Amino acid sequence: MSAEDELSLMNKYNKYLIGLSEDSDTYNSYLEYVNLVSEIQSKVKADFNIESQSEVNAELVPSLRDIANLTKILIKTASLSDQEAL
């Protein structure tokens, strides 16, 4: 993947995250790419005997997409008057 392709994928992913695009294939493509990069980094660290820092369990950390989706759900389902919101 060229630098231009990588930048294009990141831009498409960011558009998807903020709701400007609804192409879920972009999310899947970006996730595959990030996983590949992570795998390559792990292999390089192993080849050079570099200890990796303690990793956080990714399942417990919400992604920006999770937070954005939760926000969308709250906006669509919650109904507060201006006075109640204060």
PDB file of N, CA and C in Angstrom:
ATOM      1  N   MET A   1       0.852  -1.175   0.000  1.00  0.00           N
ATOM      2  CA  MET A   1       0.000   0.000   0.000  1.00  0.00           C
ATOM      3  C   MET A   1       0.893   1.232   0.000  1.00  0.00           C
ATOM      4  N   SER A   2       0.610   2.134  -0.908  1.00  0.00           N
ATOM      5  CA  SER A   2       1.397   3.366  -0.980  1.00  0.00           C
ATOM      6  C   SER A   2       0.954   4.337   0.117  1.00  0.00           C
ATOM      7  N   ALA A   3       1.756   5.356   0.332  1.00  0.00           N
ATOM      8  CA  ALA A   3       1.418   6.375   1.332  1.00  0.00           C
ATOM      9  C   ALA A   3       0.113   7.079   0.958  1.00  0.00           C
ATOM     10  N   GLU A   4      -0.091   7.300  -0.340  1.00  0.00           N
ATOM     11  CA  GLU A   4      -1.332   7.939  -0.795  1.00  0.00           C
ATOM     12  C   GLU A   4      -2.537   7.053  -0.520  1.00  0.00           C
ATOM     13  N   ASP A   5      -2.390   5.750  -0.753  1.00  0.00           N
ATOM     14  CA  ASP A   5      -3.483   4.811  -0.480  1.00  0.00           C
ATOM     15  C   ASP A   5      -3.810   4.771   1.007  1.00  0.00           C
ATOM     16  N   GLU A   6      -2.741   4.784   1.823  1.00  0.00           N
ATOM     17  CA  GLU A   6      -2.933   4.764   3.270  1.00  0.00           C
ATOM     18  C   GLU A   6      -3.664   6.016   3.736  1.00  0.00           C
ATOM     19  N   LEU A   7      -3.249   7.165   3.245  1.00  0.00           N
ATOM     20  CA  LEU A   7      -3.892   8.425   3.614  1.00  0.00           C
ATOM     21  C   LEU A   7      -5.346   8.450   3.146  1.00  0.00           C
ATOM     22  N   SER A   8      -5.597   7.938   1.953  1.00  0.00           N
ATOM     23  CA  SER A   8      -6.963   7.885   1.426  1.00  0.00           C
ATOM     24  C   SER A   8      -7.840   6.995   2.298  1.00  0.00           C
ATOM     25  N   LEU A   9      -7.299   5.851   2.711  1.00  0.00           N
ATOM     26  CA  LEU A   9      -8.058   4.936   3.567  1.00  0.00           C
ATOM     27  C   LEU A   9      -8.357   5.579   4.916  1.00  0.00           C
ATOM     28  N   MET A  10      -7.370   6.281   5.478  1.00  0.00           N
ATOM     29  CA  MET A  10      -7.592   6.957   6.758  1.00  0.00           C
ATOM     30  C   MET A  10      -8.649   8.050   6.624  1.00  0.00           C
ATOM     31  N   ASN A  11      -8.615   8.801   5.524  1.00  0.00           N
ATOM     32  CA  ASN A  11      -9.622   9.846   5.307  1.00  0.00           C
ATOM     33  C   ASN A  11     -11.019   9.251   5.160  1.00  0.00           C
ATOM     34  N   LYS A  12     -11.134   8.161   4.409  1.00  0.00           N
ATOM     35  CA  LYS A  12     -12.431   7.499   4.253  1.00  0.00           C
ATOM     36  C   LYS A  12     -12.936   6.979   5.593  1.00  0.00           C
ATOM     37  N   TYR A  13     -12.032   6.405   6.387  1.00  0.00           N
ATOM     38  CA  TYR A  13     -12.397   5.890   7.704  1.00  0.00           C
ATOM     39  C   TYR A  13     -12.871   7.018   8.615  1.00  0.00           C
ATOM     40  N   ASN A  14     -12.162   8.133   8.604  1.00  0.00           N
ATOM     41  CA  ASN A  14     -12.566   9.275   9.434  1.00  0.00           C
ATOM     42  C   ASN A  14     -13.927   9.821   8.999  1.00  0.00           C
ATOM     43  N   LYS A  15     -14.179   9.862   7.697  1.00  0.00           N
ATOM     44  CA  LYS A  15     -15.489  10.303   7.210  1.00  0.00           C
ATOM     45  C   LYS A  15     -16.575   9.354   7.703  1.00  0.00           C
ATOM     46  N   TYR A  16     -16.261   8.063   7.698  1.00  0.00           N
ATOM     47  CA  TYR A  16     -17.220   7.068   8.191  1.00  0.00           C
ATOM     48  C   TYR A  16     -17.480   7.277   9.686  1.00  0.00           C
ATOM     49  N   LEU A  17     -16.408   7.533  10.453  1.00  0.00           N
ATOM     50  CA  LEU A  17     -16.544   7.713  11.896  1.00  0.00           C
ATOM     51  C   LEU A  17     -17.426   8.897  12.263  1.00  0.00           C
ATOM     52  N   ILE A  18     -17.285   9.987  11.527  1.00  0.00           N
ATOM     53  CA  ILE A  18     -18.054  11.183  11.889  1.00  0.00           C
ATOM     54  C   ILE A  18     -19.406  11.248  11.185  1.00  0.00           C
ATOM     55  N   GLY A  19     -19.722  10.203  10.427  1.00  0.00           N
ATOM     56  CA  GLY A  19     -21.053  10.114   9.842  1.00  0.00           C
ATOM     57  C   GLY A  19     -21.214  10.742   8.473  1.00  0.00           C
ATOM     58  N   LEU A  20     -20.124  11.134   7.819  1.00  0.00           N
ATOM     59  CA  LEU A  20     -20.233  11.710   6.485  1.00  0.00           C
ATOM     60  C   LEU A  20     -20.314  10.637   5.408  1.00  0.00           C
ATOM     61  N   SER A  21     -20.042   9.397   5.794  1.00  0.00           N
ATOM     62  CA  SER A  21     -20.110   8.269   4.872  1.00  0.00           C
ATOM     63  C   SER A  21     -20.753   7.098   5.599  1.00  0.00           C
ATOM     64  N   GLU A  22     -21.514   6.311   4.879  1.00  0.00           N
ATOM     65  CA  GLU A  22     -22.155   5.148   5.488  1.00  0.00           C
ATOM     66  C   GLU A  22     -21.624   3.851   4.897  1.00  0.00           C
ATOM     67  N   ASP A  23     -20.449   3.919   4.270  1.00  0.00           N
ATOM     68  CA  ASP A  23     -19.830   2.769   3.629  1.00  0.00           C
ATOM     69  C   ASP A  23     -19.132   1.911   4.683  1.00  0.00           C
ATOM     70  N   SER A  24     -19.807   0.858   5.149  1.00  0.00           N
ATOM     71  CA  SER A  24     -19.235   0.018   6.197  1.00  0.00           C
ATOM     72  C   SER A  24     -18.041  -0.784   5.695  1.00  0.00           C
ATOM     73  N   ASP A  25     -17.887  -0.924   4.386  1.00  0.00           N
ATOM     74  CA  ASP A  25     -16.712  -1.605   3.848  1.00  0.00           C
ATOM     75  C   ASP A  25     -15.441  -0.830   4.192  1.00  0.00           C
ATOM     76  N   THR A  26     -15.547   0.476   4.294  1.00  0.00           N
ATOM     77  CA  THR A  26     -14.405   1.309   4.666  1.00  0.00           C
ATOM     78  C   THR A  26     -13.937   0.936   6.063  1.00  0.00           C
ATOM     79  N   TYR A  27     -14.867   0.779   6.981  1.00  0.00           N
ATOM     80  CA  TYR A  27     -14.518   0.392   8.355  1.00  0.00           C
ATOM     81  C   TYR A  27     -13.799  -0.950   8.355  1.00  0.00           C
ATOM     82  N   ASN A  28     -14.341  -1.915   7.629  1.00  0.00           N
ATOM     83  CA  ASN A  28     -13.740  -3.244   7.582  1.00  0.00           C
ATOM     84  C   ASN A  28     -12.359  -3.214   6.938  1.00  0.00           C
ATOM     85  N   SER A  29     -12.198  -2.453   5.869  1.00  0.00           N
ATOM     86  CA  SER A  29     -10.900  -2.333   5.196  1.00  0.00           C
ATOM     87  C   SER A  29      -9.869  -1.706   6.126  1.00  0.00           C
ATOM     88  N   TYR A  30     -10.275  -0.665   6.841  1.00  0.00           N
ATOM     89  CA  TYR A  30      -9.354   0.004   7.750  1.00  0.00           C
ATOM     90  C   TYR A  30      -8.970  -0.916   8.899  1.00  0.00           C
ATOM     91  N   LEU A  31      -9.923  -1.648   9.427  1.00  0.00           N
ATOM     92  CA  LEU A  31      -9.659  -2.583  10.515  1.00  0.00           C
ATOM     93  C   LEU A  31      -8.674  -3.662  10.063  1.00  0.00           C
ATOM     94  N   GLU A  32      -8.866  -4.189   8.865  1.00  0.00           N
ATOM     95  CA  GLU A  32      -7.935  -5.178   8.319  1.00  0.00           C
ATOM     96  C   GLU A  32      -6.536  -4.579   8.200  1.00  0.00           C
ATOM     97  N   TYR A  33      -6.453  -3.354   7.704  1.00  0.00           N
ATOM     98  CA  TYR A  33      -5.167  -2.688   7.531  1.00  0.00           C
ATOM     99  C   TYR A  33      -4.470  -2.472   8.878  1.00  0.00           C
ATOM    100  N   VAL A  34      -5.199  -1.992   9.859  1.00  0.00           N
ATOM    101  CA  VAL A  34      -4.617  -1.740  11.179  1.00  0.00           C
ATOM    102  C   VAL A  34      -4.145  -3.053  11.807  1.00  0.00           C
ATOM    103  N   ASN A  35      -4.925  -4.105  11.653  1.00  0.00           N
ATOM    104  CA  ASN A  35      -4.519  -5.399  12.189  1.00  0.00           C
ATOM    105  C   ASN A  35      -3.258  -5.910  11.501  1.00  0.00           C
ATOM    106  N   LEU A  36      -3.154  -5.715  10.189  1.00  0.00           N
ATOM    107  CA  LEU A  36      -1.964  -6.126   9.447  1.00  0.00           C
ATOM    108  C   LEU A  36      -0.738  -5.354   9.935  1.00  0.00           C
ATOM    109  N   VAL A  37      -0.869  -4.046  10.083  1.00  0.00           N
ATOM    110  CA  VAL A  37       0.244  -3.221  10.568  1.00  0.00           C
ATOM    111  C   VAL A  37       0.665  -3.663  11.967  1.00  0.00           C
ATOM    112  N   SER A  38      -0.295  -3.935  12.817  1.00  0.00           N
ATOM    113  CA  SER A  38      -0.002  -4.387  14.175  1.00  0.00           C
ATOM    114  C   SER A  38       0.730  -5.730  14.166  1.00  0.00           C
ATOM    115  N   GLU A  39       0.294  -6.622  13.311  1.00  0.00           N
ATOM    116  CA  GLU A  39       0.929  -7.934  13.194  1.00  0.00           C
ATOM    117  C   GLU A  39       2.378  -7.786  12.713  1.00  0.00           C
ATOM    118  N   ILE A  40       2.587  -6.927  11.727  1.00  0.00           N
ATOM    119  CA  ILE A  40       3.937  -6.693  11.207  1.00  0.00           C
ATOM    120  C   ILE A  40       4.824  -6.086  12.296  1.00  0.00           C
ATOM    121  N   GLN A  41       4.292  -5.137  13.044  1.00  0.00           N
ATOM    122  CA  GLN A  41       5.065  -4.522  14.125  1.00  0.00           C
ATOM    123  C   GLN A  41       5.462  -5.557  15.168  1.00  0.00           C
ATOM    124  N   SER A  42       4.540  -6.436  15.513  1.00  0.00           N
ATOM    125  CA  SER A  42       4.834  -7.484  16.497  1.00  0.00           C
ATOM    126  C   SER A  42       5.931  -8.414  16.000  1.00  0.00           C
ATOM    127  N   LYS A  43       5.874  -8.769  14.723  1.00  0.00           N
ATOM    128  CA  LYS A  43       6.894  -9.653  14.151  1.00  0.00           C
ATOM    129  C   LYS A  43       8.263  -8.980  14.119  1.00  0.00           C
ATOM    130  N   VAL A  44       8.300  -7.701  13.770  1.00  0.00           N
ATOM    131  CA  VAL A  44       9.569  -6.968  13.741  1.00  0.00           C
ATOM    132  C   VAL A  44      10.148  -6.884  15.149  1.00  0.00           C
ATOM    133  N   LYS A  45       9.300  -6.580  16.137  1.00  0.00           N
ATOM    134  CA  LYS A  45       9.767  -6.520  17.529  1.00  0.00           C
ATOM    135  C   LYS A  45      10.311  -7.872  17.970  1.00  0.00           C
ATOM    136  N   ALA A  46       9.636  -8.946  17.585  1.00  0.00           N
ATOM    137  CA  ALA A  46      10.108 -10.285  17.938  1.00  0.00           C
ATOM    138  C   ALA A  46      11.436 -10.584  17.255  1.00  0.00           C
ATOM    139  N   ASP A  47      11.583 -10.198  15.992  1.00  0.00           N
ATOM    140  CA  ASP A  47      12.824 -10.444  15.254  1.00  0.00           C
ATOM    141  C   ASP A  47      14.020  -9.726  15.884  1.00  0.00           C
ATOM    142  N   PHE A  48      13.771  -8.539  16.445  1.00  0.00           N
ATOM    143  CA  PHE A  48      14.853  -7.758  17.036  1.00  0.00           C
ATOM    144  C   PHE A  48      14.872  -7.860  18.562  1.00  0.00           C
ATOM    145  N   ASN A  49      14.116  -8.810  19.105  1.00  0.00           N
ATOM    146  CA  ASN A  49      14.048  -9.043  20.554  1.00  0.00           C
ATOM    147  C   ASN A  49      13.718  -7.773  21.331  1.00  0.00           C
ATOM    148  N   ILE A  50      12.761  -7.034  20.822  1.00  0.00           N
ATOM    149  CA  ILE A  50      12.293  -5.821  21.503  1.00  0.00           C
ATOM    150  C   ILE A  50      11.049  -6.194  22.284  1.00  0.00           C
ATOM    151  N   GLU A  51      11.081  -5.889  23.565  1.00  0.00           N
ATOM    152  CA  GLU A  51       9.922  -6.197  24.396  1.00  0.00           C
ATOM    153  C   GLU A  51       8.801  -5.221  24.076  1.00  0.00           C
ATOM    154  N   SER A  52       7.610  -5.761  23.901  1.00  0.00           N
ATOM    155  CA  SER A  52       6.473  -4.878  23.655  1.00  0.00           C
ATOM    156  C   SER A  52       5.937  -4.392  24.990  1.00  0.00           C
ATOM    157  N   GLN A  53       5.407  -3.187  24.960  1.00  0.00           N
ATOM    158  CA  GLN A  53       4.836  -2.610  26.169  1.00  0.00           C
ATOM    159  C   GLN A  53       3.584  -3.382  26.533  1.00  0.00           C
ATOM    160  N   SER A  54       3.219  -3.334  27.794  1.00  0.00           N
ATOM    161  CA  SER A  54       2.013  -4.050  28.210  1.00  0.00           C
ATOM    162  C   SER A  54       0.835  -3.537  27.402  1.00  0.00           C
ATOM    163  N   GLU A  55       0.087  -4.460  26.868  1.00  0.00           N
ATOM    164  CA  GLU A  55      -1.021  -4.095  25.999  1.00  0.00           C
ATOM    165  C   GLU A  55      -2.322  -4.059  26.779  1.00  0.00           C
ATOM    166  N   VAL A  56      -3.173  -3.125  26.415  1.00  0.00           N
ATOM    167  CA  VAL A  56      -4.488  -2.989  27.027  1.00  0.00           C
ATOM    168  C   VAL A  56      -5.431  -3.925  26.298  1.00  0.00           C
ATOM    169  N   ASN A  57      -6.312  -4.560  27.025  1.00  0.00           N
ATOM    170  CA  ASN A  57      -7.291  -5.436  26.394  1.00  0.00           C
ATOM    171  C   ASN A  57      -8.224  -4.581  25.546  1.00  0.00           C
ATOM    172  N   ALA A  58      -8.084  -4.701  24.227  1.00  0.00           N
ATOM    173  CA  ALA A  58      -8.832  -3.857  23.295  1.00  0.00           C
ATOM    174  C   ALA A  58     -10.337  -4.057  23.408  1.00  0.00           C
ATOM    175  N   GLU A  59     -10.753  -5.208  23.880  1.00  0.00           N
ATOM    176  CA  GLU A  59     -12.192  -5.457  24.002  1.00  0.00           C
ATOM    177  C   GLU A  59     -12.826  -4.562  25.064  1.00  0.00           C
ATOM    178  N   LEU A  60     -12.024  -4.096  26.006  1.00  0.00           N
ATOM    179  CA  LEU A  60     -12.554  -3.284  27.096  1.00  0.00           C
ATOM    180  C   LEU A  60     -12.518  -1.791  26.809  1.00  0.00           C
ATOM    181  N   VAL A  61     -11.842  -1.397  25.746  1.00  0.00           N
ATOM    182  CA  VAL A  61     -11.712   0.016  25.412  1.00  0.00           C
ATOM    183  C   VAL A  61     -12.662   0.342  24.263  1.00  0.00           C
ATOM    184  N   PRO A  62     -13.616   1.249  24.492  1.00  0.00           N
ATOM    185  CA  PRO A  62     -14.540   1.578  23.401  1.00  0.00           C
ATOM    186  C   PRO A  62     -13.824   2.344  22.297  1.00  0.00           C
ATOM    187  N   SER A  63     -14.189   2.050  21.076  1.00  0.00           N
ATOM    188  CA  SER A  63     -13.606   2.770  19.949  1.00  0.00           C
ATOM    189  C   SER A  63     -14.365   4.079  19.749  1.00  0.00           C
ATOM    190  N   LEU A  64     -13.789   4.957  18.960  1.00  0.00           N
ATOM    191  CA  LEU A  64     -14.484   6.211  18.642  1.00  0.00           C
ATOM    192  C   LEU A  64     -15.807   5.923  17.949  1.00  0.00           C
ATOM    193  N   ARG A  65     -15.811   4.866  17.141  1.00  0.00           N
ATOM    194  CA  ARG A  65     -17.043   4.492  16.440  1.00  0.00           C
ATOM    195  C   ARG A  65     -18.119   4.074  17.446  1.00  0.00           C
ATOM    196  N   ASP A  66     -17.721   3.315  18.478  1.00  0.00           N
ATOM    197  CA  ASP A  66     -18.670   2.914  19.519  1.00  0.00           C
ATOM    198  C   ASP A  66     -19.261   4.136  20.213  1.00  0.00           C
ATOM    199  N   ILE A  67     -18.399   5.089  20.531  1.00  0.00           N
ATOM    200  CA  ILE A  67     -18.855   6.301  21.216  1.00  0.00           C
ATOM    201  C   ILE A  67     -19.760   7.120  20.302  1.00  0.00           C
ATOM    202  N   ALA A  68     -19.388   7.216  19.020  1.00  0.00           N
ATOM    203  CA  ALA A  68     -20.218   7.959  18.066  1.00  0.00           C
ATOM    204  C   ALA A  68     -21.586   7.301  17.908  1.00  0.00           C
ATOM    205  N   ASN A  69     -21.610   5.970  17.828  1.00  0.00           N
ATOM    206  CA  ASN A  69     -22.885   5.262  17.699  1.00  0.00           C
ATOM    207  C   ASN A  69     -23.749   5.444  18.938  1.00  0.00           C
ATOM    208  N   LEU A  70     -23.134   5.392  20.108  1.00  0.00           N
ATOM    209  CA  LEU A  70     -23.887   5.611  21.342  1.00  0.00           C
ATOM    210  C   LEU A  70     -24.467   7.020  21.367  1.00  0.00           C
ATOM    211  N   THR A  71     -23.685   7.989  20.944  1.00  0.00           N
ATOM    212  CA  THR A  71     -24.161   9.372  20.891  1.00  0.00           C
ATOM    213  C   THR A  71     -25.340   9.504  19.938  1.00  0.00           C
ATOM    214  N   LYS A  72     -25.248   8.863  18.768  1.00  0.00           N
ATOM    215  CA  LYS A  72     -26.352   8.906  17.804  1.00  0.00           C
ATOM    216  C   LYS A  72     -27.615   8.299  18.400  1.00  0.00           C
ATOM    217  N   ILE A  73     -27.467   7.173  19.095  1.00  0.00           N
ATOM    218  CA  ILE A  73     -28.622   6.516  19.711  1.00  0.00           C
ATOM    219  C   ILE A  73     -29.248   7.427  20.755  1.00  0.00           C
ATOM    220  N   LEU A  74     -28.413   8.043  21.577  1.00  0.00           N
ATOM    221  CA  LEU A  74     -28.933   8.939  22.611  1.00  0.00           C
ATOM    222  C   LEU A  74     -29.654  10.133  22.013  1.00  0.00           C
ATOM    223  N   ILE A  75     -29.095  10.676  20.943  1.00  0.00           N
ATOM    224  CA  ILE A  75     -29.724  11.836  20.294  1.00  0.00           C
ATOM    225  C   ILE A  75     -31.071  11.452  19.711  1.00  0.00           C
ATOM    226  N   LYS A  76     -31.154  10.271  19.105  1.00  0.00           N
ATOM    227  CA  LYS A  76     -32.390   9.844  18.458  1.00  0.00           C
ATOM    228  C   LYS A  76     -33.459   9.416  19.459  1.00  0.00           C
ATOM    229  N   THR A  77     -33.045   8.886  20.616  1.00  0.00           N
ATOM    230  CA  THR A  77     -34.035   8.337  21.546  1.00  0.00           C
ATOM    231  C   THR A  77     -34.360   9.249  22.713  1.00  0.00           C
ATOM    232  N   ALA A  78     -33.439  10.097  23.103  1.00  0.00           N
ATOM    233  CA  ALA A  78     -33.690  10.972  24.241  1.00  0.00           C
ATOM    234  C   ALA A  78     -34.424  12.231  23.775  1.00  0.00           C
ATOM    235  N   SER A  79     -35.384  12.616  24.541  1.00  0.00           N
ATOM    236  CA  SER A  79     -36.084  13.862  24.204  1.00  0.00           C
ATOM    237  C   SER A  79     -36.187  14.715  25.459  1.00  0.00           C
ATOM    238  N   LEU A  80     -35.451  15.787  25.459  1.00  0.00           N
ATOM    239  CA  LEU A  80     -35.463  16.732  26.559  1.00  0.00           C
ATOM    240  C   LEU A  80     -35.818  18.098  26.026  1.00  0.00           C
ATOM    241  N   SER A  81     -36.598  18.805  26.799  1.00  0.00           N
ATOM    242  CA  SER A  81     -36.860  20.192  26.442  1.00  0.00           C
ATOM    243  C   SER A  81     -35.602  20.990  26.764  1.00  0.00           C
ATOM    244  N   ASP A  82     -35.522  22.197  26.267  1.00  0.00           N
ATOM    245  CA  ASP A  82     -34.359  23.032  26.560  1.00  0.00           C
ATOM    246  C   ASP A  82     -34.232  23.239  28.053  1.00  0.00           C
ATOM    247  N   GLN A  83     -35.332  23.393  28.737  1.00  0.00           N
ATOM    248  CA  GLN A  83     -35.314  23.631  30.175  1.00  0.00           C
ATOM    249  C   GLN A  83     -34.805  22.386  30.908  1.00  0.00           C
ATOM    250  N   GLU A  84     -35.230  21.204  30.483  1.00  0.00           N
ATOM    251  CA  GLU A  84     -34.779  19.963  31.136  1.00  0.00           C
ATOM    252  C   GLU A  84     -33.291  19.709  30.876  1.00  0.00           C
ATOM    253  N   ALA A  85     -32.806  20.143  29.745  1.00  0.00           N
ATOM    254  CA  ALA A  85     -31.405  19.929  29.417  1.00  0.00           C
ATOM    255  C   ALA A  85     -30.488  20.775  30.282  1.00  0.00           C
ATOM    256  N   LEU A  86     -31.004  21.841  30.822  1.00  0.00           N
ATOM    257  CA  LEU A  86     -30.191  22.698  31.698  1.00  0.00           C
ATOM    258  C   LEU A  86     -30.171  22.098  33.050  1.00  0.00           C
TER     259      LEU A  86
END
